[in-house]
């Protein structure tokens, strides 16, 4: 079991590195130049990889970028196959990473609660 986890983790890190390099060096679409791969999660059997991404300075275009990445999946998988030594490449599912916005929202809620508590004292 620990060995399986280590293999999956290595594959996740490798996919993240490869996709980041591809987006910054080989993809010619200028709309993808501000995309950062923040995390990759593969299933136990490595058949599917959820690829979480962030967009610098363009959060309002998340759906558009997600669609562009989905359309570029074939190219990305073809380029990945040369660097990734797997029998079968995982299906790539691109998901906009909202962790940063969620954390900011939670901080605002906490600050608001603290202010309300201080007013009520």
PDB file of N, CA and C in Angstrom:
ATOM      1  N   UNK A   1       0.806  -1.208   0.000  1.00  0.00           N
ATOM      2  CA  UNK A   1       0.000   0.000   0.000  1.00  0.00           C
ATOM      3  C   UNK A   1       0.851   1.275   0.000  1.00  0.00           C
ATOM      4  N   UNK A   2       1.858   1.399   0.869  1.00  0.00           N
ATOM      5  CA  UNK A   2       2.682   2.611   0.837  1.00  0.00           C
ATOM      6  C   UNK A   2       3.397   2.784  -0.501  1.00  0.00           C
ATOM      7  N   UNK A   3       3.804   1.681  -1.117  1.00  0.00           N
ATOM      8  CA  UNK A   3       4.487   1.753  -2.399  1.00  0.00           C
ATOM      9  C   UNK A   3       3.561   2.308  -3.477  1.00  0.00           C
ATOM     10  N   UNK A   4       2.287   1.881  -3.448  1.00  0.00           N
ATOM     11  CA  UNK A   4       1.298   2.370  -4.410  1.00  0.00           C
ATOM     12  C   UNK A   4       1.122   3.881  -4.267  1.00  0.00           C
ATOM     13  N   UNK A   5       1.075   4.342  -3.019  1.00  0.00           N
ATOM     14  CA  UNK A   5       0.933   5.771  -2.764  1.00  0.00           C
ATOM     15  C   UNK A   5       2.141   6.530  -3.307  1.00  0.00           C
ATOM     16  N   UNK A   6       3.329   6.000  -3.094  1.00  0.00           N
ATOM     17  CA  UNK A   6       4.558   6.655  -3.554  1.00  0.00           C
ATOM     18  C   UNK A   6       4.592   6.736  -5.077  1.00  0.00           C
ATOM     19  N   UNK A   7       4.165   5.687  -5.745  1.00  0.00           N
ATOM     20  CA  UNK A   7       4.141   5.682  -7.210  1.00  0.00           C
ATOM     21  C   UNK A   7       3.154   6.731  -7.715  1.00  0.00           C
ATOM     22  N   UNK A   8       1.959   6.776  -7.128  1.00  0.00           N
ATOM     23  CA  UNK A   8       0.962   7.765  -7.547  1.00  0.00           C
ATOM     24  C   UNK A   8       1.470   9.181  -7.330  1.00  0.00           C
ATOM     25  N   UNK A   9       2.119   9.409  -6.203  1.00  0.00           N
ATOM     26  CA  UNK A   9       2.649  10.741  -5.891  1.00  0.00           C
ATOM     27  C   UNK A   9       3.709  11.146  -6.922  1.00  0.00           C
ATOM     28  N   UNK A  10       4.569  10.208  -7.284  1.00  0.00           N
ATOM     29  CA  UNK A  10       5.596  10.486  -8.285  1.00  0.00           C
ATOM     30  C   UNK A  10       4.962  10.824  -9.633  1.00  0.00           C
ATOM     31  N   UNK A  11       3.917  10.084 -10.000  1.00  0.00           N
ATOM     32  CA  UNK A  11       3.227  10.345 -11.266  1.00  0.00           C
ATOM     33  C   UNK A  11       2.566  11.718 -11.227  1.00  0.00           C
ATOM     34  N   UNK A  12       1.955  12.063 -10.103  1.00  0.00           N
ATOM     35  CA  UNK A  12       1.312  13.375  -9.959  1.00  0.00           C
ATOM     36  C   UNK A  12       2.324  14.503 -10.142  1.00  0.00           C
ATOM     37  N   UNK A  13       3.449  14.383  -9.473  1.00  0.00           N
ATOM     38  CA  UNK A  13       4.489  15.415  -9.549  1.00  0.00           C
ATOM     39  C   UNK A  13       5.034  15.516 -10.975  1.00  0.00           C
ATOM     40  N   UNK A  14       5.237  14.374 -11.602  1.00  0.00           N
ATOM     41  CA  UNK A  14       5.769  14.358 -12.966  1.00  0.00           C
ATOM     42  C   UNK A  14       4.786  14.997 -13.945  1.00  0.00           C
ATOM     43  N   UNK A  15       3.506  14.649 -13.823  1.00  0.00           N
ATOM     44  CA  UNK A  15       2.491  15.227 -14.707  1.00  0.00           C
ATOM     45  C   UNK A  15       2.422  16.735 -14.511  1.00  0.00           C
ATOM     46  N   UNK A  16       2.462  17.184 -13.254  1.00  0.00           N
ATOM     47  CA  UNK A  16       2.404  18.612 -12.971  1.00  0.00           C
ATOM     48  C   UNK A  16       3.589  19.340 -13.614  1.00  0.00           C
ATOM     49  N   UNK A  17       4.773  18.773 -13.461  1.00  0.00           N
ATOM     50  CA  UNK A  17       5.977  19.390 -14.031  1.00  0.00           C
ATOM     51  C   UNK A  17       5.900  19.424 -15.563  1.00  0.00           C
ATOM     52  N   UNK A  18       5.518  18.309 -16.160  1.00  0.00           N
ATOM     53  CA  UNK A  18       5.451  18.224 -17.624  1.00  0.00           C
ATOM     54  C   UNK A  18       4.421  19.202 -18.180  1.00  0.00           C
ATOM     55  N   UNK A  19       3.231  19.226 -17.585  1.00  0.00           N
ATOM     56  CA  UNK A  19       2.193  20.135 -18.073  1.00  0.00           C
ATOM     57  C   UNK A  19       2.599  21.597 -17.911  1.00  0.00           C
ATOM     58  N   UNK A  20       3.244  21.907 -16.793  1.00  0.00           N
ATOM     59  CA  UNK A  20       3.713  23.282 -16.579  1.00  0.00           C
ATOM     60  C   UNK A  20       4.720  23.688 -17.647  1.00  0.00           C
ATOM     61  N   UNK A  21       5.641  22.793 -17.955  1.00  0.00           N
ATOM     62  CA  UNK A  21       6.634  23.070 -18.996  1.00  0.00           C
ATOM     63  C   UNK A  21       5.967  23.222 -20.362  1.00  0.00           C
ATOM     64  N   UNK A  22       5.035  22.334 -20.660  1.00  0.00           N
ATOM     65  CA  UNK A  22       4.348  22.402 -21.955  1.00  0.00           C
ATOM     66  C   UNK A  22       3.595  23.716 -22.111  1.00  0.00           C
ATOM     67  N   UNK A  23       2.886  24.122 -21.062  1.00  0.00           N
ATOM     68  CA  UNK A  23       2.107  25.361 -21.146  1.00  0.00           C
ATOM     69  C   UNK A  23       3.000  26.584 -21.300  1.00  0.00           C
ATOM     70  N   UNK A  24       4.147  26.566 -20.659  1.00  0.00           N
ATOM     71  CA  UNK A  24       5.008  27.748 -20.742  1.00  0.00           C
ATOM     72  C   UNK A  24       5.910  27.751 -21.970  1.00  0.00           C
ATOM     73  N   UNK A  25       6.240  26.576 -22.501  1.00  0.00           N
ATOM     74  CA  UNK A  25       7.212  26.532 -23.593  1.00  0.00           C
ATOM     75  C   UNK A  25       6.658  26.107 -24.955  1.00  0.00           C
ATOM     76  N   UNK A  26       5.700  25.193 -24.981  1.00  0.00           N
ATOM     77  CA  UNK A  26       5.290  24.622 -26.270  1.00  0.00           C
ATOM     78  C   UNK A  26       3.908  25.035 -26.751  1.00  0.00           C
ATOM     79  N   UNK A  27       3.046  25.467 -25.856  1.00  0.00           N
ATOM     80  CA  UNK A  27       1.703  25.865 -26.277  1.00  0.00           C
ATOM     81  C   UNK A  27       1.765  27.279 -26.827  1.00  0.00           C
ATOM     82  N   UNK A  28       1.248  27.453 -28.039  1.00  0.00           N
ATOM     83  CA  UNK A  28       1.350  28.758 -28.687  1.00  0.00           C
ATOM     84  C   UNK A  28       0.166  29.679 -28.377  1.00  0.00           C
ATOM     85  N   UNK A  29      -0.894  29.158 -27.814  1.00  0.00           N
ATOM     86  CA  UNK A  29      -2.077  29.968 -27.516  1.00  0.00           C
ATOM     87  C   UNK A  29      -1.761  30.972 -26.405  1.00  0.00           C
ATOM     88  N   UNK A  30      -1.808  32.268 -26.687  1.00  0.00           N
ATOM     89  CA  UNK A  30      -1.457  33.273 -25.675  1.00  0.00           C
ATOM     90  C   UNK A  30      -2.408  33.286 -24.472  1.00  0.00           C
ATOM     91  N   UNK A  31      -3.616  32.775 -24.647  1.00  0.00           N
ATOM     92  CA  UNK A  31      -4.573  32.744 -23.528  1.00  0.00           C
ATOM     93  C   UNK A  31      -4.134  31.778 -22.437  1.00  0.00           C
ATOM     94  N   UNK A  32      -3.247  30.834 -22.776  1.00  0.00           N
ATOM     95  CA  UNK A  32      -2.792  29.843 -21.794  1.00  0.00           C
ATOM     96  C   UNK A  32      -1.457  30.220 -21.147  1.00  0.00           C
ATOM     97  N   UNK A  33      -0.909  31.357 -21.504  1.00  0.00           N
ATOM     98  CA  UNK A  33       0.395  31.758 -20.955  1.00  0.00           C
ATOM     99  C   UNK A  33       0.321  32.111 -19.470  1.00  0.00           C
ATOM    100  N   UNK A  34      -0.849  32.531 -18.984  1.00  0.00           N
ATOM    101  CA  UNK A  34      -1.000  32.899 -17.574  1.00  0.00           C
ATOM    102  C   UNK A  34      -1.567  31.765 -16.716  1.00  0.00           C
ATOM    103  N   UNK A  35      -1.572  30.558 -17.263  1.00  0.00           N
ATOM    104  CA  UNK A  35      -2.116  29.408 -16.544  1.00  0.00           C
ATOM    105  C   UNK A  35      -1.004  28.725 -15.749  1.00  0.00           C
ATOM    106  N   UNK A  36      -1.309  28.438 -14.494  1.00  0.00           N
ATOM    107  CA  UNK A  36      -0.372  27.728 -13.618  1.00  0.00           C
ATOM    108  C   UNK A  36      -1.037  26.435 -13.168  1.00  0.00           C
ATOM    109  N   UNK A  37      -0.320  25.332 -13.295  1.00  0.00           N
ATOM    110  CA  UNK A  37      -0.823  24.043 -12.801  1.00  0.00           C
ATOM    111  C   UNK A  37      -0.499  23.998 -11.317  1.00  0.00           C
ATOM    112  N   UNK A  38      -1.535  24.043 -10.475  1.00  0.00           N
ATOM    113  CA  UNK A  38      -1.317  24.120  -9.030  1.00  0.00           C
ATOM    114  C   UNK A  38      -1.252  22.750  -8.367  1.00  0.00           C
ATOM    115  N   UNK A  39      -1.944  21.774  -8.943  1.00  0.00           N
ATOM    116  CA  UNK A  39      -1.975  20.454  -8.318  1.00  0.00           C
ATOM    117  C   UNK A  39      -2.471  19.433  -9.320  1.00  0.00           C
ATOM    118  N   UNK A  40      -2.014  18.195  -9.164  1.00  0.00           N
ATOM    119  CA  UNK A  40      -2.498  17.079  -9.966  1.00  0.00           C
ATOM    120  C   UNK A  40      -2.815  15.932  -9.018  1.00  0.00           C
ATOM    121  N   UNK A  41      -3.972  15.335  -9.197  1.00  0.00           N
ATOM    122  CA  UNK A  41      -4.381  14.167  -8.399  1.00  0.00           C
ATOM    123  C   UNK A  41      -4.746  13.037  -9.351  1.00  0.00           C
ATOM    124  N   UNK A  42      -4.095  11.896  -9.189  1.00  0.00           N
ATOM    125  CA  UNK A  42      -4.420  10.736 -10.023  1.00  0.00           C
ATOM    126  C   UNK A  42      -5.197   9.713  -9.203  1.00  0.00           C
ATOM    127  N   UNK A  43      -6.022   8.942  -9.903  1.00  0.00           N
ATOM    128  CA  UNK A  43      -6.758   7.864  -9.241  1.00  0.00           C
ATOM    129  C   UNK A  43      -5.784   6.735  -8.916  1.00  0.00           C
ATOM    130  N   UNK A  44      -6.228   5.796  -8.095  1.00  0.00           N
ATOM    131  CA  UNK A  44      -5.351   4.681  -7.688  1.00  0.00           C
ATOM    132  C   UNK A  44      -4.777   3.927  -8.870  1.00  0.00           C
ATOM    133  N   UNK A  45      -5.610   3.705  -9.893  1.00  0.00           N
ATOM    134  CA  UNK A  45      -5.144   2.946 -11.061  1.00  0.00           C
ATOM    135  C   UNK A  45      -4.497   3.839 -12.131  1.00  0.00           C
ATOM    136  N   UNK A  46      -4.328   5.111 -11.815  1.00  0.00           N
ATOM    137  CA  UNK A  46      -3.688   6.107 -12.686  1.00  0.00           C
ATOM    138  C   UNK A  46      -4.410   6.218 -14.037  1.00  0.00           C
ATOM    139  N   UNK A  47      -5.711   5.981 -14.052  1.00  0.00           N
ATOM    140  CA  UNK A  47      -6.475   6.088 -15.292  1.00  0.00           C
ATOM    141  C   UNK A  47      -6.969   7.510 -15.533  1.00  0.00           C
ATOM    142  N   UNK A  48      -7.085   8.273 -14.457  1.00  0.00           N
ATOM    143  CA  UNK A  48      -7.585   9.645 -14.563  1.00  0.00           C
ATOM    144  C   UNK A  48      -6.714  10.570 -13.723  1.00  0.00           C
ATOM    145  N   UNK A  49      -6.434  11.736 -14.279  1.00  0.00           N
ATOM    146  CA  UNK A  49      -5.679  12.757 -13.545  1.00  0.00           C
ATOM    147  C   UNK A  49      -6.510  14.033 -13.512  1.00  0.00           C
ATOM    148  N   UNK A  50      -6.827  14.478 -12.302  1.00  0.00           N
ATOM    149  CA  UNK A  50      -7.501  15.768 -12.145  1.00  0.00           C
ATOM    150  C   UNK A  50      -6.411  16.816 -12.049  1.00  0.00           C
ATOM    151  N   UNK A  51      -6.432  17.748 -12.988  1.00  0.00           N
ATOM    152  CA  UNK A  51      -5.403  18.778 -13.074  1.00  0.00           C
ATOM    153  C   UNK A  51      -6.025  20.106 -12.628  1.00  0.00           C
ATOM    154  N   UNK A  52      -5.568  20.605 -11.488  1.00  0.00           N
ATOM    155  CA  UNK A  52      -6.079  21.864 -10.948  1.00  0.00           C
ATOM    156  C   UNK A  52      -5.192  22.997 -11.448  1.00  0.00           C
ATOM    157  N   UNK A  53      -5.831  24.060 -11.924  1.00  0.00           N
ATOM    158  CA  UNK A  53      -5.062  25.173 -12.477  1.00  0.00           C
ATOM    159  C   UNK A  53      -5.536  26.506 -11.917  1.00  0.00           C
ATOM    160  N   UNK A  54      -4.620  27.472 -11.943  1.00  0.00           N
ATOM    161  CA  UNK A  54      -4.898  28.853 -11.559  1.00  0.00           C
ATOM    162  C   UNK A  54      -4.630  29.739 -12.763  1.00  0.00           C
ATOM    163  N   UNK A  55      -5.258  30.912 -12.776  1.00  0.00           N
ATOM    164  CA  UNK A  55      -5.032  31.863 -13.853  1.00  0.00           C
ATOM    165  C   UNK A  55      -4.565  33.168 -13.225  1.00  0.00           C
ATOM    166  N   UNK A  56      -3.423  33.638 -13.652  1.00  0.00           N
ATOM    167  CA  UNK A  56      -2.903  34.904 -13.145  1.00  0.00           C
ATOM    168  C   UNK A  56      -3.660  36.069 -13.774  1.00  0.00           C
ATOM    169  N   UNK A  57      -4.207  36.944 -12.949  1.00  0.00           N
ATOM    170  CA  UNK A  57      -4.851  38.193 -13.379  1.00  0.00           C
ATOM    171  C   UNK A  57      -6.090  38.031 -14.251  1.00  0.00           C
ATOM    172  N   UNK A  58      -6.666  36.838 -14.337  1.00  0.00           N
ATOM    173  CA  UNK A  58      -7.840  36.660 -15.201  1.00  0.00           C
ATOM    174  C   UNK A  58      -8.811  35.640 -14.607  1.00  0.00           C
ATOM    175  N   UNK A  59      -9.132  35.736 -13.336  1.00  0.00           N
ATOM    176  CA  UNK A  59      -9.988  34.753 -12.693  1.00  0.00           C
ATOM    177  C   UNK A  59     -11.367  34.679 -13.338  1.00  0.00           C
ATOM    178  N   UNK A  60     -11.821  35.778 -13.937  1.00  0.00           N
ATOM    179  CA  UNK A  60     -13.152  35.782 -14.531  1.00  0.00           C
ATOM    180  C   UNK A  60     -13.233  34.967 -15.826  1.00  0.00           C
ATOM    181  N   UNK A  61     -12.106  34.503 -16.341  1.00  0.00           N
ATOM    182  CA  UNK A  61     -12.087  33.725 -17.579  1.00  0.00           C
ATOM    183  C   UNK A  61     -11.866  32.235 -17.322  1.00  0.00           C
ATOM    184  N   UNK A  62     -12.167  31.764 -16.142  1.00  0.00           N
ATOM    185  CA  UNK A  62     -11.882  30.377 -15.762  1.00  0.00           C
ATOM    186  C   UNK A  62     -12.566  29.371 -16.680  1.00  0.00           C
ATOM    187  N   UNK A  63     -13.844  29.575 -16.981  1.00  0.00           N
ATOM    188  CA  UNK A  63     -14.581  28.623 -17.828  1.00  0.00           C
ATOM    189  C   UNK A  63     -14.008  28.592 -19.245  1.00  0.00           C
ATOM    190  N   UNK A  64     -13.646  29.753 -19.756  1.00  0.00           N
ATOM    191  CA  UNK A  64     -13.066  29.832 -21.096  1.00  0.00           C
ATOM    192  C   UNK A  64     -11.727  29.090 -21.141  1.00  0.00           C
ATOM    193  N   UNK A  65     -10.876  29.320 -20.158  1.00  0.00           N
ATOM    194  CA  UNK A  65      -9.571  28.663 -20.103  1.00  0.00           C
ATOM    195  C   UNK A  65      -9.745  27.156 -19.919  1.00  0.00           C
ATOM    196  N   UNK A  66     -10.697  26.764 -19.084  1.00  0.00           N
ATOM    197  CA  UNK A  66     -10.968  25.337 -18.878  1.00  0.00           C
ATOM    198  C   UNK A  66     -11.359  24.682 -20.197  1.00  0.00           C
ATOM    199  N   UNK A  67     -12.169  25.348 -20.980  1.00  0.00           N
ATOM    200  CA  UNK A  67     -12.589  24.829 -22.286  1.00  0.00           C
ATOM    201  C   UNK A  67     -11.397  24.720 -23.239  1.00  0.00           C
ATOM    202  N   UNK A  68     -10.543  25.723 -23.248  1.00  0.00           N
ATOM    203  CA  UNK A  68      -9.349  25.705 -24.114  1.00  0.00           C
ATOM    204  C   UNK A  68      -8.426  24.552 -23.709  1.00  0.00           C
ATOM    205  N   UNK A  69      -8.239  24.363 -22.403  1.00  0.00           N
ATOM    206  CA  UNK A  69      -7.389  23.265 -21.929  1.00  0.00           C
ATOM    207  C   UNK A  69      -7.986  21.913 -22.327  1.00  0.00           C
ATOM    208  N   UNK A  70      -9.304  21.798 -22.217  1.00  0.00           N
ATOM    209  CA  UNK A  70      -9.968  20.549 -22.606  1.00  0.00           C
ATOM    210  C   UNK A  70      -9.718  20.256 -24.087  1.00  0.00           C
ATOM    211  N   UNK A  71      -9.792  21.301 -24.908  1.00  0.00           N
ATOM    212  CA  UNK A  71      -9.556  21.121 -26.347  1.00  0.00           C
ATOM    213  C   UNK A  71      -8.088  20.776 -26.644  1.00  0.00           C
ATOM    214  N   UNK A  72      -7.183  21.230 -25.792  1.00  0.00           N
ATOM    215  CA  UNK A  72      -5.751  20.970 -25.994  1.00  0.00           C
ATOM    216  C   UNK A  72      -5.300  19.647 -25.381  1.00  0.00           C
ATOM    217  N   UNK A  73      -6.222  18.894 -24.794  1.00  0.00           N
ATOM    218  CA  UNK A  73      -5.875  17.653 -24.097  1.00  0.00           C
ATOM    219  C   UNK A  73      -5.128  16.674 -25.000  1.00  0.00           C
ATOM    220  N   UNK A  74      -5.570  16.517 -26.237  1.00  0.00           N
ATOM    221  CA  UNK A  74      -4.911  15.588 -27.162  1.00  0.00           C
ATOM    222  C   UNK A  74      -3.451  15.951 -27.377  1.00  0.00           C
ATOM    223  N   UNK A  75      -3.200  17.218 -27.645  1.00  0.00           N
ATOM    224  CA  UNK A  75      -1.826  17.700 -27.834  1.00  0.00           C
ATOM    225  C   UNK A  75      -1.004  17.484 -26.573  1.00  0.00           C
ATOM    226  N   UNK A  76      -1.579  17.850 -25.412  1.00  0.00           N
ATOM    227  CA  UNK A  76      -0.848  17.719 -24.145  1.00  0.00           C
ATOM    228  C   UNK A  76      -0.514  16.261 -23.845  1.00  0.00           C
ATOM    229  N   UNK A  77      -1.471  15.357 -24.083  1.00  0.00           N
ATOM    230  CA  UNK A  77      -1.216  13.932 -23.833  1.00  0.00           C
ATOM    231  C   UNK A  77      -0.151  13.391 -24.779  1.00  0.00           C
ATOM    232  N   UNK A  78      -0.194  13.816 -26.036  1.00  0.00           N
ATOM    233  CA  UNK A  78       0.801  13.360 -27.013  1.00  0.00           C
ATOM    234  C   UNK A  78       2.196  13.805 -26.580  1.00  0.00           C
ATOM    235  N   UNK A  79       2.321  15.056 -26.166  1.00  0.00           N
ATOM    236  CA  UNK A  79       3.609  15.574 -25.726  1.00  0.00           C
ATOM    237  C   UNK A  79       4.052  14.911 -24.412  1.00  0.00           C
ATOM    238  N   UNK A  80       3.093  14.631 -23.527  1.00  0.00           N
ATOM    239  CA  UNK A  80       3.413  13.987 -22.245  1.00  0.00           C
ATOM    240  C   UNK A  80       3.915  12.563 -22.436  1.00  0.00           C
ATOM    241  N   UNK A  81       3.372  11.871 -23.443  1.00  0.00           N
ATOM    242  CA  UNK A  81       3.709  10.454 -23.627  1.00  0.00           C
ATOM    243  C   UNK A  81       5.205  10.233 -23.832  1.00  0.00           C
ATOM    244  N   UNK A  82       5.875  11.196 -24.429  1.00  0.00           N
ATOM    245  CA  UNK A  82       7.320  11.059 -24.662  1.00  0.00           C
ATOM    246  C   UNK A  82       8.110  11.129 -23.359  1.00  0.00           C
ATOM    247  N   UNK A  83       7.578  11.842 -22.371  1.00  0.00           N
ATOM    248  CA  UNK A  83       8.315  12.041 -21.123  1.00  0.00           C
ATOM    249  C   UNK A  83       7.821  11.168 -19.969  1.00  0.00           C
ATOM    250  N   UNK A  84       6.638  10.630 -20.117  1.00  0.00           N
ATOM    251  CA  UNK A  84       6.030   9.853 -19.037  1.00  0.00           C
ATOM    252  C   UNK A  84       6.059   8.374 -19.410  1.00  0.00           C
ATOM    253  N   UNK A  85       6.759   7.578 -18.641  1.00  0.00           N
ATOM    254  CA  UNK A  85       6.901   6.156 -18.955  1.00  0.00           C
ATOM    255  C   UNK A  85       5.771   5.342 -18.335  1.00  0.00           C
ATOM    256  N   UNK A  86       4.587   5.459 -18.938  1.00  0.00           N
ATOM    257  CA  UNK A  86       3.436   4.699 -18.485  1.00  0.00           C
ATOM    258  C   UNK A  86       2.879   3.904 -19.651  1.00  0.00           C
ATOM    259  N   UNK A  87       2.289   2.738 -19.347  1.00  0.00           N
ATOM    260  CA  UNK A  87       1.680   1.932 -20.406  1.00  0.00           C
ATOM    261  C   UNK A  87       0.510   2.671 -21.029  1.00  0.00           C
ATOM    262  N   UNK A  88      -0.287   3.308 -20.185  1.00  0.00           N
ATOM    263  CA  UNK A  88      -1.454   4.051 -20.650  1.00  0.00           C
ATOM    264  C   UNK A  88      -1.476   5.398 -19.950  1.00  0.00           C
ATOM    265  N   UNK A  89      -1.615   6.453 -20.728  1.00  0.00           N
ATOM    266  CA  UNK A  89      -1.671   7.794 -20.145  1.00  0.00           C
ATOM    267  C   UNK A  89      -3.028   8.025 -19.496  1.00  0.00           C
ATOM    268  N   UNK A  90      -3.044   8.733 -18.381  1.00  0.00           N
ATOM    269  CA  UNK A  90      -4.332   9.019 -17.732  1.00  0.00           C
ATOM    270  C   UNK A  90      -5.140  10.042 -18.526  1.00  0.00           C
ATOM    271  N   UNK A  91      -6.454   9.947 -18.398  1.00  0.00           N
ATOM    272  CA  UNK A  91      -7.324  10.978 -18.960  1.00  0.00           C
ATOM    273  C   UNK A  91      -7.133  12.230 -18.124  1.00  0.00           C
ATOM    274  N   UNK A  92      -7.043  13.369 -18.785  1.00  0.00           N
ATOM    275  CA  UNK A  92      -6.832  14.630 -18.082  1.00  0.00           C
ATOM    276  C   UNK A  92      -8.159  15.352 -17.908  1.00  0.00           C
ATOM    277  N   UNK A  93      -8.454  15.713 -16.668  1.00  0.00           N
ATOM    278  CA  UNK A  93      -9.644  16.502 -16.360  1.00  0.00           C
ATOM    279  C   UNK A  93      -9.156  17.804 -15.745  1.00  0.00           C
ATOM    280  N   UNK A  94      -9.442  18.914 -16.413  1.00  0.00           N
ATOM    281  CA  UNK A  94      -8.980  20.215 -15.941  1.00  0.00           C
ATOM    282  C   UNK A  94     -10.046  20.867 -15.065  1.00  0.00           C
ATOM    283  N   UNK A  95      -9.609  21.328 -13.897  1.00  0.00           N
ATOM    284  CA  UNK A  95     -10.511  21.933 -12.915  1.00  0.00           C
ATOM    285  C   UNK A  95      -9.885  23.228 -12.419  1.00  0.00           C
ATOM    286  N   UNK A  96     -10.682  24.294 -12.452  1.00  0.00           N
ATOM    287  CA  UNK A  96     -10.196  25.575 -11.944  1.00  0.00           C
ATOM    288  C   UNK A  96     -10.050  25.476 -10.430  1.00  0.00           C
ATOM    289  N   UNK A  97      -8.877  25.843  -9.930  1.00  0.00           N
ATOM    290  CA  UNK A  97      -8.561  25.732  -8.503  1.00  0.00           C
ATOM    291  C   UNK A  97      -9.089  26.957  -7.754  1.00  0.00           C
ATOM    292  N   UNK A  98     -10.043  26.728  -6.868  1.00  0.00           N
ATOM    293  CA  UNK A  98     -10.662  27.839  -6.127  1.00  0.00           C
ATOM    294  C   UNK A  98     -10.172  27.923  -4.687  1.00  0.00           C
ATOM    295  N   UNK A  99      -9.150  27.179  -4.332  1.00  0.00           N
ATOM    296  CA  UNK A  99      -8.679  27.161  -2.941  1.00  0.00           C
ATOM    297  C   UNK A  99      -8.313  28.552  -2.436  1.00  0.00           C
ATOM    298  N   UNK A 100      -7.631  29.319  -3.272  1.00  0.00           N
ATOM    299  CA  UNK A 100      -7.192  30.649  -2.855  1.00  0.00           C
ATOM    300  C   UNK A 100      -8.390  31.563  -2.583  1.00  0.00           C
ATOM    301  N   UNK A 101      -9.373  31.557  -3.489  1.00  0.00           N
ATOM    302  CA  UNK A 101     -10.565  32.378  -3.277  1.00  0.00           C
ATOM    303  C   UNK A 101     -11.361  31.897  -2.071  1.00  0.00           C
ATOM    304  N   UNK A 102     -11.441  30.573  -1.884  1.00  0.00           N
ATOM    305  CA  UNK A 102     -12.149  30.031  -0.721  1.00  0.00           C
ATOM    306  C   UNK A 102     -11.476  30.464   0.576  1.00  0.00           C
ATOM    307  N   UNK A 103     -10.154  30.453   0.593  1.00  0.00           N
ATOM    308  CA  UNK A 103      -9.412  30.869   1.793  1.00  0.00           C
ATOM    309  C   UNK A 103      -9.639  32.350   2.084  1.00  0.00           C
ATOM    310  N   UNK A 104      -9.636  33.181   1.041  1.00  0.00           N
ATOM    311  CA  UNK A 104      -9.899  34.611   1.234  1.00  0.00           C
ATOM    312  C   UNK A 104     -11.307  34.846   1.771  1.00  0.00           C
ATOM    313  N   UNK A 105     -12.260  34.105   1.233  1.00  0.00           N
ATOM    314  CA  UNK A 105     -13.647  34.226   1.688  1.00  0.00           C
ATOM    315  C   UNK A 105     -13.769  33.818   3.158  1.00  0.00           C
ATOM    316  N   UNK A 106     -13.109  32.721   3.526  1.00  0.00           N
ATOM    317  CA  UNK A 106     -13.141  32.262   4.923  1.00  0.00           C
ATOM    318  C   UNK A 106     -12.494  33.299   5.844  1.00  0.00           C
ATOM    319  N   UNK A 107     -11.393  33.886   5.416  1.00  0.00           N
ATOM    320  CA  UNK A 107     -10.739  34.935   6.215  1.00  0.00           C
ATOM    321  C   UNK A 107     -11.657  36.130   6.416  1.00  0.00           C
ATOM    322  N   UNK A 108     -12.373  36.514   5.363  1.00  0.00           N
ATOM    323  CA  UNK A 108     -13.312  37.631   5.476  1.00  0.00           C
ATOM    324  C   UNK A 108     -14.424  37.300   6.470  1.00  0.00           C
ATOM    325  N   UNK A 109     -14.926  36.075   6.404  1.00  0.00           N
ATOM    326  CA  UNK A 109     -15.970  35.655   7.345  1.00  0.00           C
ATOM    327  C   UNK A 109     -15.464  35.676   8.788  1.00  0.00           C
ATOM    328  N   UNK A 110     -14.254  35.200   8.989  1.00  0.00           N
ATOM    329  CA  UNK A 110     -13.660  35.187  10.336  1.00  0.00           C
ATOM    330  C   UNK A 110     -13.472  36.614  10.836  1.00  0.00           C
ATOM    331  N   UNK A 111     -12.939  37.481   9.975  1.00  0.00           N
ATOM    332  CA  UNK A 111     -12.747  38.886  10.362  1.00  0.00           C
ATOM    333  C   UNK A 111     -14.084  39.552  10.706  1.00  0.00           C
ATOM    334  N   UNK A 112     -15.095  39.273   9.894  1.00  0.00           N
ATOM    335  CA  UNK A 112     -16.423  39.837  10.134  1.00  0.00           C
ATOM    336  C   UNK A 112     -16.987  39.350  11.467  1.00  0.00           C
ATOM    337  N   UNK A 113     -16.812  38.073  11.772  1.00  0.00           N
ATOM    338  CA  UNK A 113     -17.291  37.500  13.026  1.00  0.00           C
ATOM    339  C   UNK A 113     -16.568  38.121  14.217  1.00  0.00           C
ATOM    340  N   UNK A 114     -15.275  38.298  14.105  1.00  0.00           N
ATOM    341  CA  UNK A 114     -14.490  38.918  15.182  1.00  0.00           C
ATOM    342  C   UNK A 114     -14.967  40.353  15.416  1.00  0.00           C
ATOM    343  N   UNK A 115     -15.205  41.097  14.330  1.00  0.00           N
ATOM    344  CA  UNK A 115     -15.685  42.481  14.461  1.00  0.00           C
ATOM    345  C   UNK A 115     -17.060  42.518  15.150  1.00  0.00           C
ATOM    346  N   UNK A 116     -17.940  41.592  14.754  1.00  0.00           N
ATOM    347  CA  UNK A 116     -19.265  41.539  15.372  1.00  0.00           C
ATOM    348  C   UNK A 116     -19.178  41.183  16.848  1.00  0.00           C
ATOM    349  N   UNK A 117     -18.288  40.251  17.198  1.00  0.00           N
ATOM    350  CA  UNK A 117     -18.112  39.880  18.606  1.00  0.00           C
ATOM    351  C   UNK A 117     -17.593  41.046  19.425  1.00  0.00           C
ATOM    352  N   UNK A 118     -16.673  41.825  18.843  1.00  0.00           N
ATOM    353  CA  UNK A 118     -16.111  42.969  19.562  1.00  0.00           C
ATOM    354  C   UNK A 118     -17.168  44.069  19.749  1.00  0.00           C
ATOM    355  N   UNK A 119     -18.049  44.223  18.780  1.00  0.00           N
ATOM    356  CA  UNK A 119     -19.125  45.218  18.905  1.00  0.00           C
ATOM    357  C   UNK A 119     -20.128  44.830  19.979  1.00  0.00           C
ATOM    358  N   UNK A 120     -20.380  43.544  20.116  1.00  0.00           N
ATOM    359  CA  UNK A 120     -21.382  43.049  21.060  1.00  0.00           C
ATOM    360  C   UNK A 120     -20.878  43.014  22.505  1.00  0.00           C
ATOM    361  N   UNK A 121     -19.621  43.221  22.739  1.00  0.00           N
ATOM    362  CA  UNK A 121     -19.078  43.170  24.100  1.00  0.00           C
ATOM    363  C   UNK A 121     -19.283  44.468  24.828  1.00  0.00           C
TER     364      UNK A 121
END
